[in-house]
Amino acid sequence: MDRWDWLFKKKTLRRAWHICYGCMMQNGSDTERSVFYSEGTPVQVLGRPWMQCPRCGSTNTKSLQNLKDEGSDAAFWGLEQIVRKLPRRQYQFKSKVPGG
């Protein structure tokens, strides 16, 4: 795997990891219960694509790639450490949201 393939894969994976601010507020800022992994298609809200949280149904989410692009380095670094620490299957689950 050359360097560009590695960078593309890493950036693609960052787009699949999301933090849900709705879950963050409901769970008392428990980050591990607010992060999810989804390669699904985003939901269009007012013409802008948002990823819907499979736990609570909120679209108040951001991908790790968005955090990186915005320059939120501290938040990005902390979330990336959390998702590396635990297995991906812990964050992948069937949607509990009707129609999701």
N, C-alpha and C. Protein backbone atom coordinates (compact mmCIF):
# COMPACT_ATOMS: atom_id res chain seq x y z
N MET A 1 0.86 -1.17 0.00
CA MET A 1 0.00 0.00 0.00
C MET A 1 0.90 1.23 0.00
N ASP A 2 0.71 2.08 -0.99
CA ASP A 2 1.55 3.28 -1.02
C ASP A 2 0.97 4.36 -0.11
N ARG A 3 1.70 5.42 -0.01
CA ARG A 3 1.36 6.50 0.93
C ARG A 3 -0.02 7.10 0.65
N TRP A 4 -0.35 7.32 -0.60
CA TRP A 4 -1.63 7.95 -0.95
C TRP A 4 -2.81 7.04 -0.63
N ASP A 5 -2.64 5.74 -0.88
CA ASP A 5 -3.70 4.80 -0.52
C ASP A 5 -3.94 4.80 0.99
N TRP A 6 -2.86 4.85 1.76
CA TRP A 6 -2.97 4.87 3.21
C TRP A 6 -3.69 6.13 3.69
N LEU A 7 -3.33 7.29 3.12
CA LEU A 7 -3.98 8.54 3.50
C LEU A 7 -5.46 8.54 3.12
N PHE A 8 -5.79 8.01 1.94
CA PHE A 8 -7.18 7.96 1.51
C PHE A 8 -7.99 7.06 2.44
N LYS A 9 -7.43 5.90 2.80
CA LYS A 9 -8.12 4.98 3.69
C LYS A 9 -8.35 5.62 5.06
N LYS A 10 -7.36 6.30 5.59
CA LYS A 10 -7.48 6.93 6.90
C LYS A 10 -8.55 8.03 6.88
N LYS A 11 -8.56 8.83 5.81
CA LYS A 11 -9.55 9.90 5.70
C LYS A 11 -10.95 9.33 5.55
N THR A 12 -11.08 8.23 4.79
CA THR A 12 -12.38 7.58 4.61
C THR A 12 -12.88 7.03 5.94
N LEU A 13 -12.00 6.43 6.73
CA LEU A 13 -12.40 5.91 8.03
C LEU A 13 -12.84 7.03 8.97
N ARG A 14 -12.18 8.16 8.90
CA ARG A 14 -12.57 9.29 9.76
C ARG A 14 -13.97 9.79 9.41
N ARG A 15 -14.35 9.66 8.16
CA ARG A 15 -15.69 10.09 7.77
C ARG A 15 -16.78 9.16 8.30
N ALA A 16 -16.42 7.93 8.63
CA ALA A 16 -17.39 6.95 9.12
C ALA A 16 -17.57 7.00 10.63
N TRP A 17 -16.64 7.60 11.35
CA TRP A 17 -16.75 7.74 12.81
C TRP A 17 -17.43 9.07 13.12
N HIS A 18 -18.43 9.04 14.00
CA HIS A 18 -19.20 10.24 14.33
C HIS A 18 -19.37 10.39 15.83
N ILE A 19 -19.54 11.63 16.24
CA ILE A 19 -19.90 11.94 17.62
C ILE A 19 -21.30 12.56 17.57
N CYS A 20 -22.18 12.09 18.45
CA CYS A 20 -23.54 12.61 18.52
C CYS A 20 -23.65 13.52 19.73
N TYR A 21 -23.93 14.79 19.49
CA TYR A 21 -24.04 15.74 20.59
C TYR A 21 -25.34 15.54 21.38
N GLY A 22 -26.36 14.99 20.74
CA GLY A 22 -27.60 14.65 21.45
C GLY A 22 -27.35 13.57 22.50
N CYS A 23 -26.64 12.51 22.12
CA CYS A 23 -26.29 11.45 23.07
C CYS A 23 -25.35 11.98 24.14
N MET A 24 -24.46 12.88 23.76
CA MET A 24 -23.51 13.45 24.71
C MET A 24 -24.26 14.19 25.83
N MET A 25 -25.31 14.91 25.46
CA MET A 25 -26.10 15.63 26.47
C MET A 25 -26.94 14.67 27.32
N GLN A 26 -27.49 13.63 26.70
CA GLN A 26 -28.32 12.66 27.42
C GLN A 26 -27.52 11.78 28.36
N ASN A 27 -26.27 11.49 27.99
CA ASN A 27 -25.44 10.56 28.76
C ASN A 27 -24.49 11.25 29.72
N GLY A 28 -24.69 12.51 29.98
CA GLY A 28 -23.82 13.21 30.91
C GLY A 28 -22.38 13.31 30.41
N SER A 29 -22.21 13.64 29.16
CA SER A 29 -20.90 13.80 28.52
C SER A 29 -20.06 12.53 28.52
N ASP A 30 -20.70 11.37 28.47
CA ASP A 30 -19.98 10.10 28.35
C ASP A 30 -19.65 9.90 26.87
N THR A 31 -18.42 10.17 26.52
CA THR A 31 -18.00 10.14 25.12
C THR A 31 -18.12 8.76 24.52
N GLU A 32 -17.77 7.72 25.27
CA GLU A 32 -17.82 6.37 24.72
C GLU A 32 -19.23 5.96 24.32
N ARG A 33 -20.24 6.51 24.98
CA ARG A 33 -21.63 6.20 24.64
C ARG A 33 -22.20 7.20 23.64
N SER A 34 -21.38 8.11 23.15
CA SER A 34 -21.82 9.12 22.20
C SER A 34 -21.17 8.98 20.83
N VAL A 35 -20.22 8.07 20.71
CA VAL A 35 -19.52 7.84 19.45
C VAL A 35 -20.15 6.66 18.74
N PHE A 36 -20.28 6.75 17.42
CA PHE A 36 -20.77 5.62 16.65
C PHE A 36 -20.07 5.55 15.31
N TYR A 37 -20.10 4.36 14.72
CA TYR A 37 -19.48 4.10 13.43
C TYR A 37 -20.58 3.80 12.43
N SER A 38 -20.59 4.52 11.33
CA SER A 38 -21.61 4.29 10.31
C SER A 38 -21.07 4.64 8.94
N GLU A 39 -21.23 3.72 8.02
CA GLU A 39 -20.88 3.97 6.63
C GLU A 39 -22.13 4.21 5.80
N GLY A 40 -23.26 4.43 6.46
CA GLY A 40 -24.53 4.64 5.78
C GLY A 40 -24.58 5.99 5.09
N THR A 41 -25.69 6.20 4.41
CA THR A 41 -25.87 7.47 3.70
C THR A 41 -26.44 8.51 4.65
N PRO A 42 -25.99 9.73 4.53
CA PRO A 42 -26.50 10.80 5.40
C PRO A 42 -27.94 11.17 5.07
N VAL A 43 -28.59 11.79 6.02
CA VAL A 43 -29.95 12.28 5.87
C VAL A 43 -29.86 13.74 5.44
N GLN A 44 -30.68 14.14 4.48
CA GLN A 44 -30.69 15.53 4.03
C GLN A 44 -31.58 16.36 4.95
N VAL A 45 -30.99 17.36 5.58
CA VAL A 45 -31.74 18.29 6.43
C VAL A 45 -31.45 19.69 5.92
N LEU A 46 -32.48 20.35 5.42
CA LEU A 46 -32.36 21.68 4.83
C LEU A 46 -31.26 21.74 3.76
N GLY A 47 -31.20 20.68 2.96
CA GLY A 47 -30.26 20.63 1.86
C GLY A 47 -28.83 20.28 2.25
N ARG A 48 -28.59 20.00 3.50
CA ARG A 48 -27.24 19.66 3.95
C ARG A 48 -27.22 18.23 4.48
N PRO A 49 -26.22 17.44 4.11
CA PRO A 49 -26.18 16.05 4.58
C PRO A 49 -25.73 15.95 6.03
N TRP A 50 -26.51 15.25 6.84
CA TRP A 50 -26.19 14.99 8.24
C TRP A 50 -26.31 13.50 8.49
N MET A 51 -25.45 12.96 9.31
CA MET A 51 -25.54 11.55 9.67
C MET A 51 -26.49 11.44 10.86
N GLN A 52 -27.45 10.55 10.74
CA GLN A 52 -28.42 10.35 11.82
C GLN A 52 -27.87 9.34 12.82
N CYS A 53 -27.96 9.68 14.09
CA CYS A 53 -27.47 8.81 15.14
C CYS A 53 -28.38 7.59 15.27
N PRO A 54 -27.82 6.39 15.24
CA PRO A 54 -28.65 5.19 15.36
C PRO A 54 -29.17 4.97 16.79
N ARG A 55 -28.60 5.65 17.77
CA ARG A 55 -29.06 5.49 19.15
C ARG A 55 -30.29 6.35 19.44
N CYS A 56 -30.18 7.65 19.14
CA CYS A 56 -31.25 8.56 19.55
C CYS A 56 -32.01 9.17 18.38
N GLY A 57 -31.51 9.04 17.16
CA GLY A 57 -32.18 9.59 15.99
C GLY A 57 -31.84 11.03 15.69
N SER A 58 -31.00 11.65 16.49
CA SER A 58 -30.61 13.04 16.30
C SER A 58 -29.71 13.17 15.07
N THR A 59 -29.77 14.32 14.43
CA THR A 59 -28.85 14.61 13.34
C THR A 59 -27.81 15.64 13.79
N ASN A 60 -27.73 15.87 15.08
CA ASN A 60 -26.74 16.79 15.64
C ASN A 60 -25.43 16.02 15.84
N THR A 61 -24.80 15.67 14.72
CA THR A 61 -23.61 14.83 14.74
C THR A 61 -22.50 15.47 13.91
N LYS A 62 -21.28 15.04 14.17
CA LYS A 62 -20.13 15.45 13.36
C LYS A 62 -19.22 14.25 13.19
N SER A 63 -18.62 14.17 12.03
CA SER A 63 -17.65 13.10 11.80
C SER A 63 -16.30 13.55 12.33
N LEU A 64 -15.44 12.59 12.57
CA LEU A 64 -14.09 12.93 13.02
C LEU A 64 -13.36 13.73 11.95
N GLN A 65 -13.66 13.44 10.67
CA GLN A 65 -13.02 14.19 9.59
C GLN A 65 -13.46 15.65 9.63
N ASN A 66 -14.74 15.92 9.94
CA ASN A 66 -15.21 17.31 10.05
C ASN A 66 -14.48 18.03 11.17
N LEU A 67 -14.30 17.36 12.31
CA LEU A 67 -13.57 17.98 13.41
C LEU A 67 -12.14 18.31 13.00
N LYS A 68 -11.51 17.40 12.29
CA LYS A 68 -10.13 17.61 11.82
C LYS A 68 -10.07 18.79 10.86
N ASP A 69 -11.02 18.83 9.92
CA ASP A 69 -11.05 19.92 8.92
C ASP A 69 -11.31 21.28 9.55
N GLU A 70 -12.12 21.30 10.63
CA GLU A 70 -12.43 22.56 11.31
C GLU A 70 -11.29 23.07 12.17
N GLY A 71 -10.32 22.22 12.44
CA GLY A 71 -9.20 22.63 13.28
C GLY A 71 -9.44 22.39 14.76
N SER A 72 -10.43 21.56 15.09
CA SER A 72 -10.71 21.22 16.49
C SER A 72 -9.77 20.07 16.90
N ASP A 73 -8.49 20.39 16.97
CA ASP A 73 -7.47 19.36 17.16
C ASP A 73 -7.59 18.62 18.49
N ALA A 74 -7.89 19.33 19.57
CA ALA A 74 -7.98 18.66 20.87
C ALA A 74 -9.14 17.68 20.91
N ALA A 75 -10.30 18.09 20.42
CA ALA A 75 -11.47 17.20 20.38
C ALA A 75 -11.21 16.03 19.45
N PHE A 76 -10.63 16.31 18.30
CA PHE A 76 -10.32 15.26 17.33
C PHE A 76 -9.37 14.24 17.93
N TRP A 77 -8.29 14.71 18.54
CA TRP A 77 -7.29 13.81 19.11
C TRP A 77 -7.90 12.93 20.20
N GLY A 78 -8.72 13.52 21.08
CA GLY A 78 -9.34 12.75 22.15
C GLY A 78 -10.29 11.68 21.63
N LEU A 79 -11.10 12.02 20.65
CA LEU A 79 -12.04 11.05 20.07
C LEU A 79 -11.29 9.95 19.32
N GLU A 80 -10.23 10.33 18.62
CA GLU A 80 -9.47 9.32 17.90
C GLU A 80 -8.82 8.33 18.87
N GLN A 81 -8.38 8.79 20.02
CA GLN A 81 -7.80 7.90 21.03
C GLN A 81 -8.87 6.94 21.57
N ILE A 82 -10.08 7.43 21.77
CA ILE A 82 -11.17 6.59 22.28
C ILE A 82 -11.53 5.50 21.28
N VAL A 83 -11.67 5.85 20.00
CA VAL A 83 -12.07 4.85 19.02
C VAL A 83 -10.96 3.85 18.74
N ARG A 84 -9.72 4.21 18.97
CA ARG A 84 -8.62 3.26 18.81
C ARG A 84 -8.54 2.29 19.98
N LYS A 85 -8.98 2.74 21.14
CA LYS A 85 -8.85 1.95 22.36
C LYS A 85 -9.78 0.74 22.38
N LEU A 86 -10.99 0.91 21.87
CA LEU A 86 -12.00 -0.14 21.95
C LEU A 86 -12.30 -0.71 20.56
N PRO A 87 -12.78 -1.95 20.48
CA PRO A 87 -13.07 -2.56 19.17
C PRO A 87 -14.23 -1.86 18.45
N ARG A 88 -14.15 -1.85 17.12
CA ARG A 88 -15.17 -1.18 16.31
C ARG A 88 -16.55 -1.76 16.54
N ARG A 89 -16.64 -3.07 16.77
CA ARG A 89 -17.96 -3.71 16.94
C ARG A 89 -18.74 -3.12 18.11
N GLN A 90 -18.04 -2.49 19.05
CA GLN A 90 -18.73 -1.86 20.18
C GLN A 90 -19.52 -0.64 19.72
N TYR A 91 -19.11 -0.03 18.63
CA TYR A 91 -19.76 1.19 18.13
C TYR A 91 -20.66 0.95 16.94
N GLN A 92 -20.66 -0.27 16.40
CA GLN A 92 -21.54 -0.62 15.29
C GLN A 92 -22.73 -1.37 15.87
N PHE A 93 -23.93 -0.93 15.55
CA PHE A 93 -25.10 -1.64 16.02
C PHE A 93 -26.26 -1.32 15.10
N LYS A 94 -27.28 -2.13 15.20
CA LYS A 94 -28.48 -1.91 14.38
C LYS A 94 -29.21 -0.68 14.89
N SER A 95 -29.77 0.05 13.98
CA SER A 95 -30.47 1.26 14.32
C SER A 95 -31.71 0.99 15.15
N LYS A 96 -31.90 1.77 16.20
CA LYS A 96 -33.10 1.68 17.02
C LYS A 96 -34.12 2.74 16.59
N VAL A 97 -33.72 3.54 15.61
CA VAL A 97 -34.57 4.62 15.12
C VAL A 97 -35.53 4.07 14.08
N PRO A 98 -36.84 4.32 14.19
CA PRO A 98 -37.77 3.83 13.19
C PRO A 98 -37.42 4.36 11.79
N GLY A 99 -37.40 3.44 10.85
CA GLY A 99 -37.08 3.83 9.47
C GLY A 99 -35.61 3.98 9.21
N GLY A 100 -34.75 3.76 10.23
CA GLY A 100 -33.30 3.96 10.05
C GLY A 100 -32.54 2.70 9.93
